[in-house]
Amino acid sequence: QVKLQESGPGLVKPSQTLSLTCTVSGGDITTSDYTWNWLRQPPGKGLEWMGVIAGDGSTYYSPSLKSRTSISRDTSYNQFSLQLSAVTPEDTAVYFCARAPVHYSGTYSPEDMDCWGAGTLVTVSL
């Protein structure tokens, strides 16, 4: 059974870079059958897909966040990571990592995910 777990700081200052890591157990992030995604949900708002890293290491980002988002991976630890730069209080959200079966349209939506981490709250504040 695949499990995903987010980790990282719960508080980030404005203008800094938010960094989170997702540790995957029970599955291999280099598989060609699945992709590994980051999503977020601001307080009182809906889920937003942020970006994806595929089994071959290729990445694709939401156009609205592309300029500030980077997703990378460490296959030695079966982890993938999110970096979001120049954060503002509007980036305060619960951040989720999730798995989706691969498709080739590039972008994904929350409905595509079949396995989720528990989520971690990141607050952007002084």
Foldseek 3Di string as FASTA:
>chain_A
DKAKAKDADQEAEAQAKGKIKIFIPPDAQLDQFKKKFKWWAAPPGDIGTAKIAHNVGDIAGDPVQVVFWDKGADRVRRMIMIMGGRDDQVPFTWMKMFMFGDDPPRDDDPVRGDHIHPTGTHGHHD
